Amino acid sequence: MTNRDLTLRFAEPDDCFVLFDLIKGLAEYEKLSHAVTGNALALKEHLFGSPRYVEAILALYQGQAVGFALFFYNYSTFLTKPGIYLEDLFVLPEYRRQGIGKALLIKLAQIALERDCGRLEWSVLDWNESAQAFYCRMGASILDDWRICRVADEALLKLGSGD
């Protein structure tokens, strides 16, 4: 693969079905296909509606979508700066180890710097040792002393009702 064969660009409204197919590919890789309950039209609304909740970068190899990074802003009260939270980074298995994931991370770092963000952060599954090693090679620190807390589905309804 040469750099001429790879294009990174912000997703456009017509990309939402292709992007959602890549999301389903990520879910399959993570053995979480059963957890995909959304759809491409909702994704399109969140990417391009008002308000815009997320942004996405597509990786195209010779014009074919082979990966993506989906991200949104978070905020550091300690830095008093916005940050970028990378929700998902995915490259189709047959296109891995060709620099596409690295190119996506570099692009996100450039976006964070251009937007005066204080940090770029994301989560990685504990079993995904190859991804952890890749992220460490890219300069990431894996924070052992932090855990993700999540309230979803019935628990979210219950919490929201004040019970």
N, C-alpha and C. Protein backbone atom coordinates (compact mmCIF):
# COMPACT_ATOMS: atom_id res chain seq x y z
N MET A 1 0.85 -1.18 0.00
CA MET A 1 0.00 0.00 0.00
C MET A 1 0.89 1.24 0.00
N THR A 2 0.54 2.20 -0.82
CA THR A 2 1.25 3.47 -0.83
C THR A 2 0.34 4.54 -0.26
N ASN A 3 0.96 5.64 0.16
CA ASN A 3 0.18 6.75 0.70
C ASN A 3 -0.82 7.29 -0.31
N ARG A 4 -0.51 7.14 -1.60
CA ARG A 4 -1.43 7.62 -2.63
C ARG A 4 -2.72 6.82 -2.66
N ASP A 5 -2.64 5.56 -2.20
CA ASP A 5 -3.81 4.69 -2.21
C ASP A 5 -4.76 4.96 -1.04
N LEU A 6 -4.27 5.65 0.00
CA LEU A 6 -5.04 5.89 1.21
C LEU A 6 -5.50 7.34 1.26
N THR A 7 -6.80 7.51 1.51
CA THR A 7 -7.39 8.83 1.69
C THR A 7 -8.13 8.84 3.01
N LEU A 8 -7.91 9.86 3.80
CA LEU A 8 -8.68 10.09 5.02
C LEU A 8 -9.50 11.34 4.81
N ARG A 9 -10.79 11.24 5.13
CA ARG A 9 -11.65 12.42 4.99
C ARG A 9 -12.81 12.33 5.97
N PHE A 10 -13.37 13.49 6.28
CA PHE A 10 -14.56 13.50 7.12
C PHE A 10 -15.70 12.80 6.38
N ALA A 11 -16.48 12.06 7.14
CA ALA A 11 -17.65 11.40 6.56
C ALA A 11 -18.63 12.44 6.03
N GLU A 12 -19.33 12.07 4.99
CA GLU A 12 -20.36 12.91 4.37
C GLU A 12 -21.70 12.20 4.51
N PRO A 13 -22.81 12.92 4.36
CA PRO A 13 -24.12 12.28 4.55
C PRO A 13 -24.33 11.00 3.74
N ASP A 14 -23.81 10.94 2.53
CA ASP A 14 -23.99 9.74 1.71
C ASP A 14 -23.16 8.55 2.18
N ASP A 15 -22.26 8.76 3.14
CA ASP A 15 -21.40 7.69 3.66
C ASP A 15 -22.04 6.89 4.79
N CYS A 16 -23.20 7.29 5.27
CA CYS A 16 -23.72 6.72 6.52
C CYS A 16 -24.01 5.22 6.44
N PHE A 17 -24.47 4.72 5.32
CA PHE A 17 -24.73 3.29 5.21
C PHE A 17 -23.42 2.49 5.20
N VAL A 18 -22.41 3.00 4.48
CA VAL A 18 -21.10 2.35 4.47
C VAL A 18 -20.48 2.42 5.86
N LEU A 19 -20.58 3.56 6.50
CA LEU A 19 -20.04 3.72 7.86
C LEU A 19 -20.73 2.77 8.83
N PHE A 20 -22.04 2.64 8.70
CA PHE A 20 -22.76 1.74 9.60
C PHE A 20 -22.37 0.27 9.34
N ASP A 21 -22.09 -0.07 8.09
CA ASP A 21 -21.58 -1.42 7.80
C ASP A 21 -20.24 -1.66 8.49
N LEU A 22 -19.38 -0.65 8.51
CA LEU A 22 -18.11 -0.77 9.22
C LEU A 22 -18.33 -0.91 10.73
N ILE A 23 -19.31 -0.19 11.25
CA ILE A 23 -19.65 -0.31 12.68
C ILE A 23 -20.10 -1.73 12.98
N LYS A 24 -20.89 -2.31 12.10
CA LYS A 24 -21.31 -3.71 12.30
C LYS A 24 -20.10 -4.65 12.21
N GLY A 25 -19.13 -4.33 11.36
CA GLY A 25 -17.91 -5.11 11.30
C GLY A 25 -17.12 -5.02 12.60
N LEU A 26 -17.07 -3.85 13.19
CA LEU A 26 -16.43 -3.69 14.49
C LEU A 26 -17.14 -4.51 15.55
N ALA A 27 -18.46 -4.45 15.57
CA ALA A 27 -19.24 -5.21 16.56
C ALA A 27 -18.99 -6.71 16.40
N GLU A 28 -18.90 -7.17 15.17
CA GLU A 28 -18.62 -8.59 14.93
C GLU A 28 -17.23 -8.96 15.46
N TYR A 29 -16.24 -8.11 15.18
CA TYR A 29 -14.87 -8.35 15.66
C TYR A 29 -14.84 -8.42 17.19
N GLU A 30 -15.61 -7.55 17.85
CA GLU A 30 -15.64 -7.52 19.31
C GLU A 30 -16.62 -8.53 19.91
N LYS A 31 -17.21 -9.36 19.05
CA LYS A 31 -18.19 -10.36 19.47
C LYS A 31 -19.39 -9.71 20.16
N LEU A 32 -19.81 -8.55 19.62
CA LEU A 32 -20.91 -7.79 20.19
C LEU A 32 -21.99 -7.47 19.15
N SER A 33 -22.09 -8.28 18.11
CA SER A 33 -23.09 -8.02 17.08
C SER A 33 -24.49 -7.92 17.65
N HIS A 34 -24.77 -8.69 18.67
CA HIS A 34 -26.09 -8.67 19.31
C HIS A 34 -26.40 -7.30 19.96
N ALA A 35 -25.38 -6.51 20.22
CA ALA A 35 -25.57 -5.22 20.89
C ALA A 35 -25.90 -4.09 19.91
N VAL A 36 -25.79 -4.36 18.61
CA VAL A 36 -26.07 -3.32 17.62
C VAL A 36 -27.58 -3.22 17.43
N THR A 37 -28.15 -2.16 17.95
CA THR A 37 -29.60 -1.95 17.84
C THR A 37 -29.93 -0.70 17.05
N GLY A 38 -28.91 0.10 16.71
CA GLY A 38 -29.13 1.33 15.95
C GLY A 38 -29.22 1.06 14.47
N ASN A 39 -29.18 2.14 13.70
CA ASN A 39 -29.27 2.02 12.25
C ASN A 39 -28.58 3.20 11.58
N ALA A 40 -28.40 3.09 10.28
CA ALA A 40 -27.67 4.11 9.52
C ALA A 40 -28.39 5.45 9.51
N LEU A 41 -29.72 5.45 9.54
CA LEU A 41 -30.45 6.72 9.53
C LEU A 41 -30.28 7.49 10.82
N ALA A 42 -30.27 6.79 11.95
CA ALA A 42 -30.01 7.46 13.23
C ALA A 42 -28.58 7.99 13.26
N LEU A 43 -27.64 7.19 12.75
CA LEU A 43 -26.26 7.63 12.67
C LEU A 43 -26.14 8.92 11.85
N LYS A 44 -26.83 8.95 10.72
CA LYS A 44 -26.81 10.13 9.86
C LYS A 44 -27.34 11.36 10.60
N GLU A 45 -28.41 11.19 11.34
CA GLU A 45 -28.98 12.31 12.11
C GLU A 45 -27.98 12.81 13.15
N HIS A 46 -27.28 11.90 13.80
CA HIS A 46 -26.34 12.29 14.85
C HIS A 46 -25.06 12.89 14.29
N LEU A 47 -24.69 12.48 13.08
CA LEU A 47 -23.50 13.04 12.43
C LEU A 47 -23.78 14.40 11.78
N PHE A 48 -24.99 14.58 11.24
CA PHE A 48 -25.23 15.75 10.40
C PHE A 48 -26.45 16.58 10.78
N GLY A 49 -27.18 16.15 11.82
CA GLY A 49 -28.35 16.90 12.25
C GLY A 49 -27.95 18.07 13.13
N SER A 50 -28.94 18.61 13.79
CA SER A 50 -28.71 19.71 14.72
C SER A 50 -29.35 19.37 16.05
N PRO A 51 -28.58 19.17 17.10
CA PRO A 51 -27.13 19.35 17.14
C PRO A 51 -26.40 18.15 16.55
N ARG A 52 -25.13 18.36 16.23
CA ARG A 52 -24.26 17.28 15.77
C ARG A 52 -23.63 16.66 17.01
N TYR A 53 -23.87 15.38 17.20
CA TYR A 53 -23.36 14.71 18.39
C TYR A 53 -21.98 14.08 18.18
N VAL A 54 -21.68 13.67 16.97
CA VAL A 54 -20.43 12.96 16.68
C VAL A 54 -19.88 13.41 15.34
N GLU A 55 -18.60 13.07 15.13
CA GLU A 55 -17.96 13.27 13.85
C GLU A 55 -17.28 11.96 13.48
N ALA A 56 -16.99 11.79 12.20
CA ALA A 56 -16.33 10.56 11.77
C ALA A 56 -15.35 10.87 10.64
N ILE A 57 -14.25 10.14 10.69
CA ILE A 57 -13.26 10.16 9.62
C ILE A 57 -13.30 8.79 8.96
N LEU A 58 -13.40 8.78 7.65
CA LEU A 58 -13.35 7.52 6.89
C LEU A 58 -11.96 7.33 6.32
N ALA A 59 -11.51 6.10 6.34
CA ALA A 59 -10.27 5.70 5.67
C ALA A 59 -10.66 4.98 4.41
N LEU A 60 -10.22 5.50 3.28
CA LEU A 60 -10.53 4.91 1.98
C LEU A 60 -9.24 4.40 1.35
N TYR A 61 -9.24 3.13 0.98
CA TYR A 61 -8.12 2.54 0.27
C TYR A 61 -8.56 2.33 -1.17
N GLN A 62 -7.90 3.02 -2.09
CA GLN A 62 -8.26 3.00 -3.51
C GLN A 62 -9.76 3.25 -3.68
N GLY A 63 -10.29 4.20 -2.89
CA GLY A 63 -11.68 4.61 -3.00
C GLY A 63 -12.67 3.77 -2.22
N GLN A 64 -12.24 2.67 -1.63
CA GLN A 64 -13.14 1.79 -0.87
C GLN A 64 -12.97 2.07 0.63
N ALA A 65 -14.10 2.23 1.34
CA ALA A 65 -14.06 2.46 2.78
C ALA A 65 -13.56 1.20 3.49
N VAL A 66 -12.44 1.33 4.21
CA VAL A 66 -11.84 0.18 4.88
C VAL A 66 -11.66 0.41 6.38
N GLY A 67 -11.98 1.61 6.85
CA GLY A 67 -11.85 1.90 8.28
C GLY A 67 -12.47 3.23 8.62
N PHE A 68 -12.55 3.47 9.93
CA PHE A 68 -13.13 4.73 10.38
C PHE A 68 -12.69 5.04 11.80
N ALA A 69 -12.85 6.29 12.15
CA ALA A 69 -12.71 6.76 13.52
C ALA A 69 -13.93 7.64 13.80
N LEU A 70 -14.66 7.34 14.86
CA LEU A 70 -15.83 8.12 15.25
C LEU A 70 -15.52 8.75 16.60
N PHE A 71 -15.74 10.07 16.71
CA PHE A 71 -15.32 10.79 17.90
C PHE A 71 -16.26 11.94 18.23
N PHE A 72 -16.09 12.46 19.44
CA PHE A 72 -16.87 13.60 19.91
C PHE A 72 -16.06 14.33 20.98
N TYR A 73 -16.54 15.50 21.37
CA TYR A 73 -15.86 16.27 22.40
C TYR A 73 -16.18 15.74 23.79
N ASN A 74 -15.19 15.81 24.66
CA ASN A 74 -15.39 15.70 26.09
C ASN A 74 -14.76 16.94 26.70
N TYR A 75 -14.61 16.97 28.01
CA TYR A 75 -14.06 18.17 28.63
C TYR A 75 -13.25 17.80 29.85
N SER A 76 -12.12 18.44 30.03
CA SER A 76 -11.29 18.26 31.22
C SER A 76 -11.45 19.49 32.11
N THR A 77 -12.03 19.27 33.27
CA THR A 77 -12.15 20.38 34.23
C THR A 77 -10.79 20.77 34.78
N PHE A 78 -9.87 19.82 34.89
CA PHE A 78 -8.55 20.12 35.42
C PHE A 78 -7.75 20.97 34.43
N LEU A 79 -7.85 20.65 33.14
CA LEU A 79 -7.15 21.42 32.11
C LEU A 79 -7.94 22.65 31.68
N THR A 80 -9.23 22.66 31.98
CA THR A 80 -10.20 23.64 31.47
C THR A 80 -10.04 23.78 29.96
N LYS A 81 -10.07 22.61 29.32
CA LYS A 81 -10.00 22.54 27.87
C LYS A 81 -10.88 21.40 27.38
N PRO A 82 -11.41 21.55 26.17
CA PRO A 82 -12.09 20.40 25.58
C PRO A 82 -11.07 19.33 25.20
N GLY A 83 -11.57 18.14 25.03
CA GLY A 83 -10.77 17.04 24.53
C GLY A 83 -11.55 16.30 23.47
N ILE A 84 -10.90 15.38 22.84
CA ILE A 84 -11.58 14.53 21.87
C ILE A 84 -11.62 13.13 22.46
N TYR A 85 -12.82 12.55 22.45
CA TYR A 85 -12.99 11.17 22.88
C TYR A 85 -13.23 10.33 21.63
N LEU A 86 -12.35 9.38 21.41
CA LEU A 86 -12.45 8.46 20.28
C LEU A 86 -13.35 7.31 20.70
N GLU A 87 -14.55 7.29 20.20
CA GLU A 87 -15.50 6.23 20.55
C GLU A 87 -15.11 4.91 19.90
N ASP A 88 -14.78 4.96 18.61
CA ASP A 88 -14.43 3.74 17.89
C ASP A 88 -13.37 4.03 16.84
N LEU A 89 -12.41 3.13 16.75
CA LEU A 89 -11.42 3.10 15.68
C LEU A 89 -11.46 1.68 15.15
N PHE A 90 -11.64 1.53 13.84
CA PHE A 90 -11.75 0.20 13.26
C PHE A 90 -11.18 0.21 11.85
N VAL A 91 -10.42 -0.84 11.56
CA VAL A 91 -9.92 -1.10 10.21
C VAL A 91 -10.29 -2.54 9.88
N LEU A 92 -10.85 -2.75 8.70
CA LEU A 92 -11.19 -4.11 8.29
C LEU A 92 -9.99 -5.03 8.44
N PRO A 93 -10.19 -6.25 8.92
CA PRO A 93 -9.06 -7.16 9.20
C PRO A 93 -8.08 -7.32 8.05
N GLU A 94 -8.58 -7.40 6.83
CA GLU A 94 -7.69 -7.63 5.69
C GLU A 94 -6.85 -6.40 5.33
N TYR A 95 -7.11 -5.26 5.96
CA TYR A 95 -6.35 -4.04 5.69
C TYR A 95 -5.49 -3.61 6.87
N ARG A 96 -5.43 -4.43 7.90
CA ARG A 96 -4.63 -4.09 9.07
C ARG A 96 -3.14 -4.27 8.79
N ARG A 97 -2.34 -3.65 9.64
CA ARG A 97 -0.87 -3.71 9.56
C ARG A 97 -0.34 -3.06 8.29
N GLN A 98 -1.10 -2.07 7.81
CA GLN A 98 -0.67 -1.32 6.62
C GLN A 98 -0.59 0.18 6.91
N GLY A 99 -0.71 0.55 8.18
CA GLY A 99 -0.58 1.96 8.56
C GLY A 99 -1.88 2.74 8.57
N ILE A 100 -3.01 2.08 8.34
CA ILE A 100 -4.28 2.80 8.28
C ILE A 100 -4.72 3.25 9.67
N GLY A 101 -4.63 2.37 10.66
CA GLY A 101 -4.98 2.76 12.03
C GLY A 101 -4.08 3.88 12.53
N LYS A 102 -2.80 3.77 12.24
CA LYS A 102 -1.86 4.82 12.62
C LYS A 102 -2.23 6.14 11.95
N ALA A 103 -2.56 6.11 10.68
CA ALA A 103 -2.94 7.32 9.95
C ALA A 103 -4.19 7.95 10.57
N LEU A 104 -5.16 7.11 10.96
CA LEU A 104 -6.37 7.64 11.60
C LEU A 104 -6.05 8.31 12.94
N LEU A 105 -5.18 7.69 13.74
CA LEU A 105 -4.80 8.29 15.02
C LEU A 105 -4.04 9.59 14.82
N ILE A 106 -3.15 9.62 13.85
CA ILE A 106 -2.41 10.85 13.56
C ILE A 106 -3.39 11.95 13.15
N LYS A 107 -4.36 11.62 12.31
CA LYS A 107 -5.35 12.61 11.87
C LYS A 107 -6.14 13.13 13.07
N LEU A 108 -6.53 12.25 13.98
CA LEU A 108 -7.27 12.70 15.16
C LEU A 108 -6.40 13.59 16.05
N ALA A 109 -5.13 13.25 16.20
CA ALA A 109 -4.23 14.09 16.98
C ALA A 109 -4.11 15.47 16.33
N GLN A 110 -4.02 15.52 15.02
CA GLN A 110 -3.95 16.80 14.31
C GLN A 110 -5.21 17.62 14.53
N ILE A 111 -6.37 16.96 14.47
CA ILE A 111 -7.65 17.65 14.72
C ILE A 111 -7.67 18.20 16.15
N ALA A 112 -7.23 17.38 17.12
CA ALA A 112 -7.21 17.83 18.52
C ALA A 112 -6.31 19.06 18.67
N LEU A 113 -5.15 19.04 18.05
CA LEU A 113 -4.25 20.19 18.13
C LEU A 113 -4.84 21.42 17.45
N GLU A 114 -5.42 21.24 16.27
CA GLU A 114 -6.03 22.36 15.54
C GLU A 114 -7.16 23.00 16.35
N ARG A 115 -7.88 22.19 17.12
CA ARG A 115 -9.03 22.68 17.88
C ARG A 115 -8.66 23.05 19.32
N ASP A 116 -7.39 23.09 19.62
CA ASP A 116 -6.88 23.45 20.94
C ASP A 116 -7.43 22.55 22.04
N CYS A 117 -7.49 21.27 21.76
CA CYS A 117 -7.94 20.30 22.76
C CYS A 117 -6.77 19.92 23.66
N GLY A 118 -7.08 19.60 24.90
CA GLY A 118 -6.06 19.25 25.86
C GLY A 118 -5.63 17.80 25.80
N ARG A 119 -6.48 16.94 25.21
CA ARG A 119 -6.11 15.53 25.14
C ARG A 119 -7.01 14.78 24.15
N LEU A 120 -6.51 13.63 23.79
CA LEU A 120 -7.23 12.66 22.96
C LEU A 120 -7.25 11.38 23.76
N GLU A 121 -8.43 10.83 23.98
CA GLU A 121 -8.51 9.62 24.79
C GLU A 121 -9.57 8.67 24.27
N TRP A 122 -9.46 7.40 24.71
CA TRP A 122 -10.38 6.36 24.29
C TRP A 122 -10.25 5.19 25.24
N SER A 123 -11.10 4.21 25.08
CA SER A 123 -11.06 2.98 25.86
C SER A 123 -10.65 1.84 24.94
N VAL A 124 -10.09 0.79 25.55
CA VAL A 124 -9.72 -0.41 24.80
C VAL A 124 -10.15 -1.61 25.63
N LEU A 125 -10.66 -2.62 24.97
CA LEU A 125 -11.08 -3.83 25.67
C LEU A 125 -9.88 -4.52 26.31
N ASP A 126 -10.09 -5.06 27.51
CA ASP A 126 -8.97 -5.67 28.24
C ASP A 126 -8.39 -6.89 27.53
N TRP A 127 -9.18 -7.59 26.72
CA TRP A 127 -8.68 -8.78 26.03
C TRP A 127 -7.96 -8.45 24.72
N ASN A 128 -8.08 -7.22 24.25
CA ASN A 128 -7.53 -6.86 22.95
C ASN A 128 -6.07 -6.40 23.10
N GLU A 129 -5.21 -7.37 23.35
CA GLU A 129 -3.80 -7.07 23.61
C GLU A 129 -3.08 -6.49 22.40
N SER A 130 -3.47 -6.91 21.20
CA SER A 130 -2.80 -6.35 20.02
C SER A 130 -3.13 -4.87 19.87
N ALA A 131 -4.37 -4.48 20.16
CA ALA A 131 -4.74 -3.07 20.10
C ALA A 131 -4.02 -2.29 21.20
N GLN A 132 -3.94 -2.87 22.39
CA GLN A 132 -3.23 -2.19 23.48
C GLN A 132 -1.77 -1.94 23.11
N ALA A 133 -1.13 -2.94 22.55
CA ALA A 133 0.27 -2.78 22.15
C ALA A 133 0.41 -1.71 21.07
N PHE A 134 -0.51 -1.71 20.11
CA PHE A 134 -0.50 -0.70 19.04
C PHE A 134 -0.65 0.70 19.64
N TYR A 135 -1.61 0.88 20.54
CA TYR A 135 -1.84 2.19 21.13
C TYR A 135 -0.63 2.65 21.93
N CYS A 136 0.00 1.75 22.64
CA CYS A 136 1.21 2.11 23.39
C CYS A 136 2.32 2.55 22.44
N ARG A 137 2.46 1.87 21.31
CA ARG A 137 3.46 2.27 20.31
C ARG A 137 3.16 3.66 19.76
N MET A 138 1.90 4.06 19.75
CA MET A 138 1.51 5.37 19.26
C MET A 138 1.66 6.45 20.34
N GLY A 139 2.09 6.05 21.54
CA GLY A 139 2.32 7.02 22.60
C GLY A 139 1.23 7.10 23.65
N ALA A 140 0.23 6.24 23.56
CA ALA A 140 -0.88 6.26 24.53
C ALA A 140 -0.45 5.63 25.85
N SER A 141 -1.02 6.11 26.92
CA SER A 141 -0.88 5.50 28.24
C SER A 141 -2.19 4.77 28.54
N ILE A 142 -2.09 3.56 29.04
CA ILE A 142 -3.29 2.81 29.45
C ILE A 142 -3.44 3.00 30.95
N LEU A 143 -4.53 3.60 31.35
CA LEU A 143 -4.75 3.99 32.73
C LEU A 143 -5.38 2.85 33.52
N ASP A 144 -4.56 2.16 34.29
CA ASP A 144 -5.04 1.00 35.06
C ASP A 144 -5.94 1.39 36.22
N ASP A 145 -5.82 2.61 36.72
CA ASP A 145 -6.55 2.99 37.91
C ASP A 145 -7.91 3.63 37.64
N TRP A 146 -8.37 3.61 36.42
CA TRP A 146 -9.68 4.16 36.06
C TRP A 146 -10.56 3.05 35.51
N ARG A 147 -11.83 3.10 35.80
CA ARG A 147 -12.81 2.14 35.28
C ARG A 147 -13.97 2.92 34.66
N ILE A 148 -14.52 2.37 33.62
CA ILE A 148 -15.67 2.98 32.95
C ILE A 148 -16.93 2.65 33.74
N CYS A 149 -17.75 3.65 33.99
CA CYS A 149 -19.07 3.44 34.61
C CYS A 149 -20.12 3.70 33.54
N ARG A 150 -21.13 2.86 33.50
CA ARG A 150 -22.16 2.98 32.48
C ARG A 150 -23.52 2.68 33.08
N VAL A 151 -24.49 3.52 32.76
CA VAL A 151 -25.88 3.28 33.10
C VAL A 151 -26.64 3.26 31.78
N ALA A 152 -27.31 2.14 31.47
CA ALA A 152 -27.99 2.01 30.19
C ALA A 152 -29.27 1.20 30.35
N ASP A 153 -30.08 1.24 29.32
CA ASP A 153 -31.29 0.43 29.23
C ASP A 153 -32.20 0.65 30.45
N GLU A 154 -32.60 -0.44 31.09
CA GLU A 154 -33.52 -0.35 32.24
C GLU A 154 -32.94 0.45 33.39
N ALA A 155 -31.64 0.29 33.63
CA ALA A 155 -31.00 1.02 34.72
C ALA A 155 -31.05 2.53 34.47
N LEU A 156 -30.92 2.95 33.21
CA LEU A 156 -31.01 4.36 32.87
C LEU A 156 -32.43 4.88 33.09
N LEU A 157 -33.41 4.08 32.67
CA LEU A 157 -34.81 4.47 32.91
C LEU A 157 -35.09 4.62 34.40
N LYS A 158 -34.61 3.68 35.17
CA LYS A 158 -34.83 3.70 36.62
C LYS A 158 -34.15 4.91 37.25
N LEU A 159 -32.91 5.15 36.91
CA LEU A 159 -32.17 6.29 37.46
C LEU A 159 -32.84 7.60 37.04
N GLY A 160 -33.23 7.68 35.79
CA GLY A 160 -33.89 8.89 35.29
C GLY A 160 -35.22 9.18 35.95
N SER A 161 -35.88 8.15 36.42
CA SER A 161 -37.17 8.35 37.09
C SER A 161 -37.00 8.69 38.56
N GLY A 162 -35.75 8.66 39.05
CA GLY A 162 -35.49 9.01 40.44
C GLY A 162 -35.66 7.87 41.41
N ASP A 163 -35.92 6.65 40.92
CA ASP A 163 -36.09 5.49 41.81
C ASP A 163 -34.78 5.02 42.38
